[in-house]
Amino acid sequence: MTKPHPILGIIGGMGPEATVELMARIVKATPAGDDADHLHMIVDNNPKIPSRIAALIDGTGESPAPELVRMARGLQAAGATFLAMPCNTAHSYAQDISAAVSIPLLNMVDRTADRIAHRYRHVGLLASTAVVRLRLYHRALGDRGMVVLESHVQDEVMEIIKAVKRGKLDEKVRHSFSGAAHALALRGADVLLVACTELSLLADAIDMPVPTVDSLDILRDSVVEYAQANAS
């Protein structure tokens, strides 16, 4: 008889490549000697979720909340025992998702803030304009005694995010990202926080003396730690 084991449900598609990247990072981070040692994952990689930007910033689009809730419930019904969502902006709806299911959602924003709390003071934020305006990390980090430094080239950061969504990860895009990160370091950031899963795909472009924390890595670590803690 097969023993019960943790099953991860991924609320994905925001964007699709970031979802695949999270899966790849989980596989690489999992201590395994054989296939059976890896984590069972059920993935709803749905790029048709209504635009978070249109709903949260522009005020012109429908709320993604009903679709996110539907996906979470579907993953639970399919057997998932815990959830992860590799999209920082979509965590605006984390409470809606958690209230709709009886399994835990590993909150990437809170877990990232917890991981860097008491280690740094000034956090340089590299994130979508939605995350900045909604102050998701401002609140989470501020509650833990940290100060957020916003990018002075936020429009450029958004263009980088859009380029990644179009599949452009060329040297020009990487150079622009590195420049935005460098500017935050010069302004006094003692850590750079990559808080957009599209930007996570470019995180290796940052080569500076200031430490870098990638929220997608924090989510990866949280998934692996949760799975190991709850394994039979």
Protein backbone atom coordinates (compact mmCIF):
# COMPACT_ATOMS: atom_id res chain seq x y z
CA MET A 1 0.00 0.00 0.00
CA THR A 2 1.33 3.42 -0.98
CA LYS A 3 2.01 5.70 1.97
CA PRO A 4 0.35 9.15 2.01
CA HIS A 5 2.74 11.88 0.92
CA PRO A 6 2.62 15.67 0.54
CA ILE A 7 1.27 16.80 -2.83
CA LEU A 8 1.99 20.32 -4.04
CA GLY A 9 -0.65 22.16 -6.05
CA ILE A 10 0.76 25.02 -8.10
CA ILE A 11 -1.52 27.92 -9.06
CA GLY A 12 0.44 28.83 -12.18
CA GLY A 13 0.45 30.60 -15.51
CA MET A 14 1.47 34.05 -14.20
CA GLY A 15 3.54 33.70 -16.29
CA PRO A 16 3.95 30.19 -17.68
CA GLU A 17 7.75 30.31 -17.75
CA ALA A 18 7.92 31.38 -14.11
CA THR A 19 5.75 28.39 -13.22
CA VAL A 20 8.05 25.99 -15.03
CA GLU A 21 11.04 27.70 -13.40
CA LEU A 22 9.61 27.11 -9.91
CA MET A 23 9.09 23.43 -10.73
CA ALA A 24 12.67 23.13 -12.01
CA ARG A 25 14.08 24.83 -8.91
CA ILE A 26 12.07 22.55 -6.62
CA VAL A 27 13.39 19.46 -8.43
CA LYS A 28 16.98 20.71 -8.15
CA ALA A 29 16.61 21.60 -4.45
CA THR A 30 15.01 18.31 -3.40
CA PRO A 31 17.38 15.77 -1.84
CA ALA A 32 16.68 12.69 -3.92
CA GLY A 33 18.35 9.41 -4.73
CA ASP A 34 15.62 8.21 -7.07
CA ASP A 35 12.44 9.39 -8.81
CA ALA A 36 10.29 8.40 -5.83
CA ASP A 37 12.17 10.83 -3.58
CA HIS A 38 10.89 13.84 -5.52
CA LEU A 39 7.82 15.88 -4.68
CA HIS A 40 4.46 15.01 -6.23
CA MET A 41 3.22 18.15 -8.01
CA ILE A 42 -0.14 18.95 -9.59
CA VAL A 43 0.06 22.06 -11.75
CA ASP A 44 -2.64 24.31 -13.18
CA ASN A 45 -0.54 26.38 -15.57
CA ASN A 46 -3.29 28.77 -16.67
CA PRO A 47 -2.17 31.85 -18.65
CA LYS A 48 -5.82 32.85 -19.18
CA ILE A 49 -6.23 34.23 -15.65
CA PRO A 50 -7.58 37.81 -15.91
CA SER A 51 -4.86 40.46 -15.87
CA ARG A 52 -3.76 41.46 -12.40
CA ILE A 53 -2.55 44.80 -13.76
CA ALA A 54 -5.89 45.61 -15.43
CA ALA A 55 -7.81 44.75 -12.27
CA LEU A 56 -5.54 46.18 -9.58
CA ILE A 57 -3.89 49.17 -11.23
CA ASP A 58 -5.87 50.22 -14.30
CA GLY A 59 -9.27 49.42 -12.79
CA THR A 60 -10.49 48.30 -16.20
CA GLY A 61 -10.40 44.52 -15.94
CA GLU A 62 -12.30 41.81 -14.13
CA SER A 63 -10.96 40.49 -10.83
CA PRO A 64 -8.76 37.41 -11.10
CA ALA A 65 -9.97 36.28 -7.66
CA PRO A 66 -12.79 33.95 -8.87
CA GLU A 67 -10.45 32.16 -11.28
CA LEU A 68 -7.67 31.86 -8.69
CA VAL A 69 -10.17 30.43 -6.20
CA ARG A 70 -11.50 28.00 -8.83
CA MET A 71 -7.95 26.82 -9.55
CA ALA A 72 -7.14 26.38 -5.86
CA ARG A 73 -10.29 24.35 -5.28
CA GLY A 74 -9.58 22.27 -8.36
CA LEU A 75 -6.06 21.49 -7.18
CA GLN A 76 -7.36 20.48 -3.76
CA ALA A 77 -10.01 18.27 -5.36
CA ALA A 78 -7.29 16.66 -7.48
CA GLY A 79 -5.39 15.67 -4.34
CA ALA A 80 -3.10 18.60 -3.49
CA THR A 81 -2.33 18.86 0.23
CA PHE A 82 -0.73 22.33 0.06
CA LEU A 83 -0.51 25.17 -2.45
CA ALA A 84 2.06 27.55 -3.89
CA MET A 85 1.57 30.44 -6.32
CA PRO A 86 4.65 31.74 -8.18
CA CYS A 87 3.35 35.28 -8.74
CA ASN A 88 3.95 38.11 -6.28
CA THR A 89 1.19 40.37 -7.63
CA ALA A 90 -1.43 37.63 -7.35
CA HIS A 91 -0.72 37.46 -3.62
CA SER A 92 -3.08 40.43 -3.37
CA TYR A 93 -5.71 37.67 -3.48
CA ALA A 94 -3.97 35.29 -1.06
CA GLN A 95 -6.66 35.71 1.59
CA ASP A 96 -9.43 34.91 -0.93
CA ILE A 97 -7.61 31.74 -1.93
CA SER A 98 -6.87 30.62 1.64
CA ALA A 99 -10.47 31.21 2.69
CA ALA A 100 -11.75 29.03 -0.17
CA VAL A 101 -9.76 25.86 0.59
CA SER A 102 -8.88 23.74 3.62
CA ILE A 103 -5.22 23.23 2.70
CA PRO A 104 -2.42 25.75 3.34
CA LEU A 105 -1.20 28.28 0.78
CA LEU A 106 2.50 28.99 1.29
CA ASN A 107 2.46 32.80 1.13
CA MET A 108 5.51 33.89 -0.86
CA VAL A 109 5.39 37.52 0.32
CA ASP A 110 5.20 36.71 4.03
CA ARG A 111 7.78 33.94 3.81
CA THR A 112 10.20 36.18 1.91
CA ALA A 113 9.80 38.93 4.51
CA ASP A 114 10.34 36.41 7.31
CA ARG A 115 13.49 35.08 5.66
CA ILE A 116 15.23 38.47 5.46
CA ALA A 117 13.86 39.98 8.70
CA HIS A 118 16.52 41.04 11.25
CA ARG A 119 19.25 40.53 8.67
CA TYR A 120 18.89 43.74 6.66
CA ARG A 121 17.57 47.25 7.16
CA HIS A 122 17.20 48.87 3.70
CA VAL A 123 15.64 46.64 1.05
CA GLY A 124 15.91 47.61 -2.63
CA LEU A 125 12.69 46.41 -4.27
CA LEU A 126 12.73 45.07 -7.82
CA ALA A 127 9.09 44.32 -8.56
CA SER A 128 6.15 45.04 -10.83
CA THR A 129 4.44 48.41 -10.57
CA ALA A 130 1.38 46.63 -9.17
CA VAL A 131 3.40 45.17 -6.28
CA VAL A 132 4.92 48.60 -5.62
CA ARG A 133 1.62 50.49 -5.69
CA LEU A 134 -0.22 47.89 -3.66
CA ARG A 135 2.62 48.06 -1.12
CA LEU A 136 2.62 44.30 -0.62
CA TYR A 137 6.24 44.22 0.44
CA HIS A 138 6.16 47.68 2.02
CA ARG A 139 3.68 46.31 4.57
CA ALA A 140 5.29 42.92 5.04
CA LEU A 141 8.80 44.31 5.41
CA GLY A 142 7.70 47.38 7.38
CA ASP A 143 5.96 45.16 9.92
CA ARG A 144 9.32 43.46 10.44
CA GLY A 145 11.28 46.69 10.91
CA MET A 146 12.71 47.12 7.43
CA VAL A 147 12.62 50.07 5.02
CA VAL A 148 11.77 49.62 1.32
CA LEU A 149 13.63 51.57 -1.34
CA GLU A 150 11.66 51.81 -4.59
CA SER A 151 13.32 51.94 -7.99
CA HIS A 152 13.60 55.40 -9.55
CA VAL A 153 13.36 53.73 -12.97
CA GLN A 154 10.16 51.78 -12.31
CA ASP A 155 8.89 52.31 -15.88
CA GLU A 156 12.08 50.68 -17.13
CA VAL A 157 11.62 47.79 -14.70
CA MET A 158 8.12 47.22 -16.10
CA GLU A 159 9.49 47.20 -19.64
CA ILE A 160 11.97 44.53 -18.55
CA ILE A 161 9.13 42.44 -17.08
CA LYS A 162 7.11 42.79 -20.29
CA ALA A 163 10.16 41.79 -22.35
CA VAL A 164 10.56 38.61 -20.29
CA LYS A 165 6.87 37.80 -20.82
CA ARG A 166 7.54 38.10 -24.55
CA GLY A 167 10.40 35.62 -24.20
CA LYS A 168 13.17 38.20 -24.57
CA LEU A 169 16.03 37.51 -22.17
CA ASP A 170 18.75 38.95 -24.36
CA GLU A 171 21.83 40.87 -23.29
CA LYS A 172 20.12 44.25 -23.62
CA VAL A 173 17.34 43.24 -21.21
CA ARG A 174 19.84 41.74 -18.78
CA HIS A 175 21.93 44.91 -18.90
CA SER A 176 18.89 47.07 -18.16
CA PHE A 177 17.96 44.89 -15.20
CA SER A 178 21.48 44.99 -13.84
CA GLY A 179 21.46 48.79 -14.17
CA ALA A 180 18.21 49.13 -12.24
CA ALA A 181 19.58 46.90 -9.50
CA HIS A 182 22.88 48.78 -9.38
CA ALA A 183 21.03 52.09 -8.98
CA LEU A 184 19.21 50.75 -5.90
CA ALA A 185 22.49 49.61 -4.38
CA LEU A 186 23.99 53.06 -4.90
CA ARG A 187 21.00 54.60 -3.08
CA GLY A 188 21.79 52.63 0.04
CA ALA A 189 20.07 49.25 -0.29
CA ASP A 190 21.92 46.65 1.76
CA VAL A 191 19.98 43.87 0.04
CA LEU A 192 18.20 43.62 -3.31
CA LEU A 193 14.86 41.82 -3.32
CA VAL A 194 13.76 40.29 -6.63
CA ALA A 195 9.99 40.33 -6.07
CA CYS A 196 8.66 39.45 -9.51
CA THR A 197 8.84 35.93 -10.87
CA GLU A 198 9.61 37.24 -14.37
CA LEU A 199 12.61 39.10 -12.94
CA SER A 200 13.62 35.85 -11.22
CA LEU A 201 14.49 34.56 -14.69
CA LEU A 202 17.09 37.33 -14.91
CA ALA A 203 18.42 37.21 -11.36
CA ASP A 204 21.76 35.82 -12.49
CA ALA A 205 22.33 39.12 -14.36
CA ILE A 206 22.99 40.87 -11.04
CA ASP A 207 26.66 40.77 -10.17
CA MET A 208 27.29 43.21 -7.33
CA PRO A 209 28.63 43.22 -3.79
CA VAL A 210 25.13 43.80 -2.40
CA PRO A 211 23.38 40.52 -1.48
CA THR A 212 20.40 39.50 -3.61
CA VAL A 213 17.32 37.62 -2.40
CA ASP A 214 14.98 36.07 -4.96
CA SER A 215 11.39 35.55 -3.79
CA LEU A 216 11.07 32.55 -6.11
CA ASP A 217 13.99 30.91 -4.31
CA ILE A 218 12.28 31.57 -0.98
CA LEU A 219 9.10 29.92 -2.29
CA ARG A 220 11.15 26.98 -3.55
CA ASP A 221 12.81 26.55 -0.15
CA SER A 222 9.45 26.84 1.62
CA VAL A 223 7.95 24.13 -0.58
CA VAL A 224 10.85 21.72 -0.04
CA GLU A 225 10.93 22.39 3.72
CA TYR A 226 7.16 21.94 4.06
CA ALA A 227 7.21 18.71 2.06
CA GLN A 228 10.04 17.25 4.13
CA ALA A 229 8.37 18.27 7.42
CA ASN A 230 5.11 16.61 6.38
CA ALA A 231 6.43 13.48 4.74
CA SER A 232 5.26 10.17 6.15
